[in-house]
Amino acid sequence: MMRAAAANVPVIAFRAASYRAPRGALLVDGLSLEVTAGSTLVLLGRSGAGKTTTLKLANRLLAATAGDVLVEGKSVLQWDPIRLRRRMGYAIQEVGLFTHYTVERNIGLLPAVEGWPAARIRARVREMLALVGLEESLAARLPRELSGGQRQRVGVARALALDPPVLLMDEPFGALDPLTRAELQTEFSLLQKRLGKTVVLVTHDLREALLLGTEIALLDSGRLAGRYSPAEFLSTTDALPANYRRAFAFDENGIVQSGSPPAGYPGGGSA
């Protein structure tokens, strides 16, 4: 079982971690990065920057081909991989719900695998539905009977069902329409303040990074290009953050220039 973080021990630490794919492509290159307890670290970068690969190194869905990844001070290679993943909630863009399972069975899946009694599972499902703002009456529905936003909320509820100390999120709001995405981003920000989980969130969306992140790790071609607080990201003269601000029409105060939202947001162009 995952231990409580000791003082000054990061929850997750990448130590010169690299990952080379079987066909030879270097997807993550010498990454050194720490994630502190209770923080929301956003992995920001364009497609192919190594964001999702980095996330998968944390829960050992992929194993680093050089360097190491530590969780609570212990190499992921020393963890039982199943136990490690059960202690890390995982929410992804396409949700990954089992289409032939009801909402209740999807949320209660891991507690059932863990051997929880049926009454405890039902109580936990009700608690999780309330936590993510869904009515209890939805528990009997199948995923296809839900809206995109409802499915995403179920995905977050399932990721939180075992009360993991760490939550890994891979563009969890990216497949939603702009209004629903904005609503869920705000809801998740409030939820994280309430729960205090340690979160690692992948996105290519600067606005999402600024809204949700306590820190932003900017990845480029598999390397760490810089680590910033949201305020530092908006004010730094470093070239890559400046390019992001121009692409999203942000000035140094976080204000959208010319009153024009970025593509994919209400009032902006097509995504």
Protein backbone atom coordinates (compact mmCIF):
# COMPACT_ATOMS: atom_id res chain seq x y z
CA MET A 1 0.00 0.00 0.00
CA MET A 2 1.25 3.47 -0.83
CA ARG A 3 2.82 5.11 2.20
CA ALA A 4 2.17 8.64 3.37
CA ALA A 5 4.79 10.95 1.89
CA ALA A 6 7.69 11.65 4.23
CA ALA A 7 8.72 15.24 4.73
CA ASN A 8 10.53 16.61 1.67
CA VAL A 9 10.09 13.33 -0.24
CA PRO A 10 8.30 13.99 -3.55
CA VAL A 11 5.30 11.82 -4.30
CA ILE A 12 6.66 11.15 -7.80
CA ALA A 13 10.22 11.81 -8.97
CA PHE A 14 11.60 11.30 -12.46
CA ARG A 15 15.39 10.81 -12.25
CA ALA A 16 16.97 11.34 -15.66
CA ALA A 17 14.21 9.09 -17.00
CA SER A 18 14.14 8.20 -20.67
CA TYR A 19 11.92 6.02 -22.76
CA ARG A 20 12.87 4.64 -26.15
CA ALA A 21 10.08 2.92 -28.06
CA PRO A 22 10.62 -0.60 -29.43
CA ARG A 23 11.06 0.82 -32.93
CA GLY A 24 13.80 3.13 -31.70
CA ALA A 25 12.12 6.54 -31.28
CA LEU A 26 13.23 8.41 -28.16
CA LEU A 27 9.95 9.66 -26.69
CA VAL A 28 11.22 10.90 -23.30
CA ASP A 29 14.80 12.09 -22.99
CA GLY A 30 16.55 12.44 -19.61
CA LEU A 31 13.57 13.84 -17.72
CA SER A 32 14.24 15.02 -14.17
CA LEU A 33 11.11 16.29 -12.47
CA GLU A 34 9.45 16.08 -9.06
CA VAL A 35 5.79 16.16 -8.08
CA THR A 36 5.09 17.35 -4.54
CA ALA A 37 2.20 16.22 -2.35
CA GLY A 38 -1.08 18.05 -2.94
CA SER A 39 0.14 19.85 -6.06
CA THR A 40 -1.34 19.79 -9.56
CA LEU A 41 1.53 19.45 -12.00
CA VAL A 42 0.50 20.08 -15.60
CA LEU A 43 2.52 18.45 -18.36
CA LEU A 44 2.10 20.94 -21.20
CA GLY A 45 3.31 20.47 -24.73
CA ARG A 46 2.34 19.96 -28.31
CA SER A 47 1.48 16.55 -29.76
CA GLY A 48 4.50 14.26 -29.64
CA ALA A 49 6.19 16.16 -26.81
CA GLY A 50 6.23 13.07 -24.56
CA LYS A 51 3.42 14.04 -22.19
CA THR A 52 1.40 10.82 -22.23
CA THR A 53 4.54 8.69 -22.23
CA THR A 54 5.73 10.52 -19.12
CA LEU A 55 2.39 9.88 -17.43
CA LYS A 56 2.61 6.16 -18.23
CA LEU A 57 6.10 5.98 -16.76
CA ALA A 58 4.66 7.13 -13.42
CA ASN A 59 2.28 4.17 -13.05
CA ARG A 60 4.52 1.71 -14.89
CA LEU A 61 2.28 1.22 -17.88
CA LEU A 62 5.64 1.82 -19.55
CA ALA A 63 9.05 1.16 -18.00
CA ALA A 64 11.84 3.70 -18.39
CA THR A 65 14.60 2.45 -20.67
CA ALA A 66 17.13 4.65 -18.84
CA GLY A 67 17.10 6.49 -15.54
CA ASP A 68 14.39 5.80 -12.97
CA VAL A 69 10.98 6.88 -11.69
CA LEU A 70 10.37 6.92 -7.94
CA VAL A 71 7.03 6.87 -6.14
CA GLU A 72 7.18 7.78 -2.45
CA GLY A 73 10.95 7.43 -2.65
CA LYS A 74 10.88 3.90 -4.07
CA SER A 75 11.58 2.91 -7.67
CA VAL A 76 8.46 1.90 -9.56
CA LEU A 77 10.35 -1.27 -10.45
CA GLN A 78 10.22 -2.21 -6.77
CA TRP A 79 6.46 -1.73 -6.57
CA ASP A 80 4.03 -4.47 -7.46
CA PRO A 81 2.64 -2.90 -10.66
CA ILE A 82 -0.98 -3.77 -9.90
CA ARG A 83 -0.81 -2.34 -6.40
CA LEU A 84 0.91 0.77 -7.74
CA ARG A 85 -1.82 1.39 -10.32
CA ARG A 86 -4.62 0.74 -7.85
CA ARG A 87 -3.20 3.54 -5.74
CA MET A 88 -3.10 5.96 -8.69
CA GLY A 89 -6.40 7.03 -10.18
CA TYR A 90 -6.26 7.27 -13.98
CA ALA A 91 -8.62 9.40 -16.06
CA ILE A 92 -8.23 9.69 -19.83
CA GLN A 93 -9.72 11.71 -22.66
CA GLU A 94 -12.02 9.03 -24.07
CA VAL A 95 -13.04 7.98 -20.54
CA GLY A 96 -12.53 4.24 -21.16
CA LEU A 97 -15.79 3.15 -19.53
CA PHE A 98 -16.93 -0.41 -20.13
CA THR A 99 -19.83 0.08 -22.52
CA HIS A 100 -21.75 -3.01 -21.36
CA TYR A 101 -21.46 -2.06 -17.66
CA THR A 102 -23.84 0.30 -15.92
CA VAL A 103 -22.53 3.51 -14.38
CA GLU A 104 -22.71 1.85 -10.95
CA ARG A 105 -20.70 -1.16 -12.08
CA ASN A 106 -18.09 1.03 -13.81
CA ILE A 107 -17.51 3.15 -10.72
CA GLY A 108 -17.58 0.15 -8.40
CA LEU A 109 -15.30 -2.02 -10.53
CA LEU A 110 -12.04 -1.55 -8.65
CA PRO A 111 -13.64 -1.68 -5.19
CA ALA A 112 -15.20 -4.98 -6.29
CA VAL A 113 -11.82 -6.28 -7.46
CA GLU A 114 -10.42 -5.25 -4.09
CA GLY A 115 -13.03 -7.43 -2.43
CA TRP A 116 -15.21 -4.74 -0.87
CA PRO A 117 -18.63 -5.99 0.33
CA ALA A 118 -21.56 -5.11 -1.90
CA ALA A 119 -23.13 -2.67 0.56
CA ARG A 120 -19.89 -0.72 0.87
CA ILE A 121 -19.53 -0.58 -2.92
CA ARG A 122 -23.07 0.76 -3.35
CA ALA A 123 -22.43 3.41 -0.72
CA ARG A 124 -19.17 4.40 -2.38
CA VAL A 125 -20.84 4.67 -5.80
CA ARG A 126 -23.48 6.99 -4.35
CA GLU A 127 -20.77 9.05 -2.68
CA MET A 128 -18.75 9.33 -5.90
CA LEU A 129 -21.79 10.31 -7.97
CA ALA A 130 -22.56 13.11 -5.54
CA LEU A 131 -18.92 14.17 -5.49
CA VAL A 132 -18.81 14.70 -9.27
CA GLY A 133 -22.27 16.28 -9.44
CA LEU A 134 -24.29 13.42 -10.91
CA GLU A 135 -27.73 12.28 -9.83
CA GLU A 136 -28.00 8.88 -8.17
CA SER A 137 -30.64 7.91 -10.73
CA LEU A 138 -27.92 7.71 -13.39
CA ALA A 139 -26.32 4.71 -11.67
CA ALA A 140 -28.45 2.23 -13.63
CA ARG A 141 -27.71 3.73 -17.04
CA LEU A 142 -25.21 2.50 -19.60
CA PRO A 143 -22.48 4.87 -20.84
CA ARG A 144 -24.19 5.28 -24.22
CA GLU A 145 -27.20 6.73 -22.41
CA LEU A 146 -25.13 9.59 -20.98
CA SER A 147 -23.91 12.86 -22.45
CA GLY A 148 -20.20 13.38 -23.05
CA GLY A 149 -19.90 15.51 -19.94
CA GLN A 150 -21.70 12.92 -17.83
CA ARG A 151 -19.42 10.15 -19.11
CA GLN A 152 -16.37 12.21 -18.24
CA ARG A 153 -17.70 12.79 -14.73
CA VAL A 154 -18.21 9.03 -14.37
CA GLY A 155 -14.63 8.51 -15.50
CA VAL A 156 -13.37 10.87 -12.78
CA ALA A 157 -15.63 9.16 -10.22
CA ARG A 158 -14.19 5.78 -11.16
CA ALA A 159 -10.63 7.12 -10.89
CA LEU A 160 -11.39 8.35 -7.37
CA ALA A 161 -13.34 5.29 -6.20
CA LEU A 162 -10.47 3.77 -4.19
CA ASP A 163 -9.55 7.19 -2.77
CA PRO A 164 -6.06 7.14 -4.33
CA PRO A 165 -3.57 9.75 -3.12
CA VAL A 166 -2.47 10.37 -6.73
CA LEU A 167 -4.60 11.14 -9.78
CA LEU A 168 -3.15 10.88 -13.29
CA MET A 169 -5.19 12.65 -15.97
CA ASP A 170 -4.49 12.44 -19.70
CA GLU A 171 -6.34 15.27 -21.47
CA PRO A 172 -9.51 14.30 -19.59
CA PHE A 173 -11.60 17.19 -20.97
CA GLY A 174 -10.18 17.34 -24.49
CA ALA A 175 -12.97 15.45 -26.29
CA LEU A 176 -15.77 17.65 -24.94
CA ASP A 177 -17.49 20.62 -26.52
CA PRO A 178 -16.04 23.99 -25.42
CA LEU A 179 -18.81 24.94 -22.97
CA THR A 180 -18.87 21.54 -21.26
CA ARG A 181 -15.07 21.49 -21.14
CA ALA A 182 -14.98 24.88 -19.45
CA GLU A 183 -17.62 23.78 -16.92
CA LEU A 184 -15.75 20.59 -16.03
CA GLN A 185 -12.43 22.39 -15.75
CA THR A 186 -13.93 24.77 -13.21
CA GLU A 187 -15.65 21.91 -11.35
CA PHE A 188 -12.44 19.92 -11.20
CA SER A 189 -10.49 22.91 -9.90
CA LEU A 190 -12.97 23.25 -7.03
CA LEU A 191 -12.94 19.49 -6.43
CA GLN A 192 -9.15 19.40 -6.23
CA LYS A 193 -9.12 22.20 -3.67
CA ARG A 194 -11.54 20.16 -1.61
CA LEU A 195 -9.76 16.79 -1.90
CA GLY A 196 -6.11 17.86 -1.97
CA LYS A 197 -4.99 15.02 -4.22
CA THR A 198 -1.61 14.97 -5.91
CA VAL A 199 -2.45 15.40 -9.61
CA VAL A 200 -0.43 15.05 -12.79
CA LEU A 201 -2.44 16.34 -15.74
CA VAL A 202 -1.53 16.18 -19.43
CA THR A 203 -2.74 18.90 -21.78
CA HIS A 204 -1.75 20.89 -24.84
CA ASP A 205 -4.17 23.64 -23.82
CA LEU A 206 -2.51 26.64 -22.17
CA ARG A 207 -5.74 27.97 -20.73
CA GLU A 208 -6.41 24.64 -19.02
CA ALA A 209 -2.85 24.58 -17.69
CA LEU A 210 -3.18 28.06 -16.21
CA LEU A 211 -6.56 27.30 -14.66
CA LEU A 212 -5.79 23.92 -13.11
CA GLY A 213 -2.05 23.81 -12.53
CA THR A 214 -0.10 24.87 -9.46
CA GLU A 215 2.98 24.19 -11.59
CA ILE A 216 3.52 23.76 -15.31
CA ALA A 217 6.20 21.49 -16.75
CA LEU A 218 6.71 22.43 -20.39
CA LEU A 219 7.82 19.49 -22.53
CA ASP A 220 9.35 19.74 -25.97
CA SER A 221 10.55 16.77 -28.04
CA GLY A 222 10.66 14.57 -24.97
CA ARG A 223 12.72 16.98 -22.88
CA LEU A 224 11.82 19.30 -20.04
CA ALA A 225 11.98 22.80 -21.53
CA GLY A 226 11.11 24.55 -18.26
CA ARG A 227 9.10 24.44 -15.07
CA TYR A 228 6.97 27.42 -14.06
CA SER A 229 4.22 28.58 -11.80
CA PRO A 230 1.25 29.91 -13.79
CA ALA A 231 2.36 33.48 -13.02
CA GLU A 232 5.93 32.72 -14.11
CA PHE A 233 4.67 31.15 -17.34
CA LEU A 234 2.86 34.35 -18.21
CA SER A 235 5.79 36.62 -17.41
CA THR A 236 8.89 34.70 -18.47
CA THR A 237 10.88 35.83 -21.49
CA ASP A 238 11.84 32.23 -22.31
CA ALA A 239 11.14 31.61 -25.98
CA LEU A 240 8.86 28.57 -25.79
CA PRO A 241 6.42 29.95 -23.18
CA ALA A 242 6.34 33.20 -25.16
CA ASN A 243 5.39 31.23 -28.26
CA TYR A 244 2.55 29.57 -26.35
CA ARG A 245 1.27 32.92 -25.11
CA ARG A 246 1.24 34.28 -28.65
CA ALA A 247 -0.52 31.16 -29.98
CA PHE A 248 -3.23 31.52 -27.34
CA ALA A 249 -3.26 35.33 -27.58
CA PHE A 250 -2.36 35.83 -23.91
CA ASP A 251 -0.47 38.86 -22.66
CA GLU A 252 1.80 38.82 -19.59
CA ASN A 253 -1.22 39.44 -17.32
CA GLY A 254 -3.11 36.42 -18.59
CA ILE A 255 -5.55 38.57 -20.57
CA VAL A 256 -6.66 37.41 -24.00
CA GLN A 257 -5.48 40.05 -26.45
CA SER A 258 -7.93 41.73 -28.81
CA GLY A 259 -10.81 40.09 -26.93
CA SER A 260 -10.34 36.99 -29.09
CA PRO A 261 -10.40 33.62 -27.28
CA PRO A 262 -8.14 30.84 -28.53
CA ALA A 263 -9.46 28.24 -30.96
CA GLY A 264 -11.71 25.69 -29.33
CA TYR A 265 -13.20 28.07 -26.75
CA PRO A 266 -16.47 29.98 -26.79
CA GLY A 267 -16.04 32.77 -29.29
CA GLY A 268 -12.82 31.34 -30.69
CA GLY A 269 -12.10 29.63 -33.97
CA SER A 270 -12.35 25.92 -34.68
CA ALA A 271 -10.17 23.60 -32.62
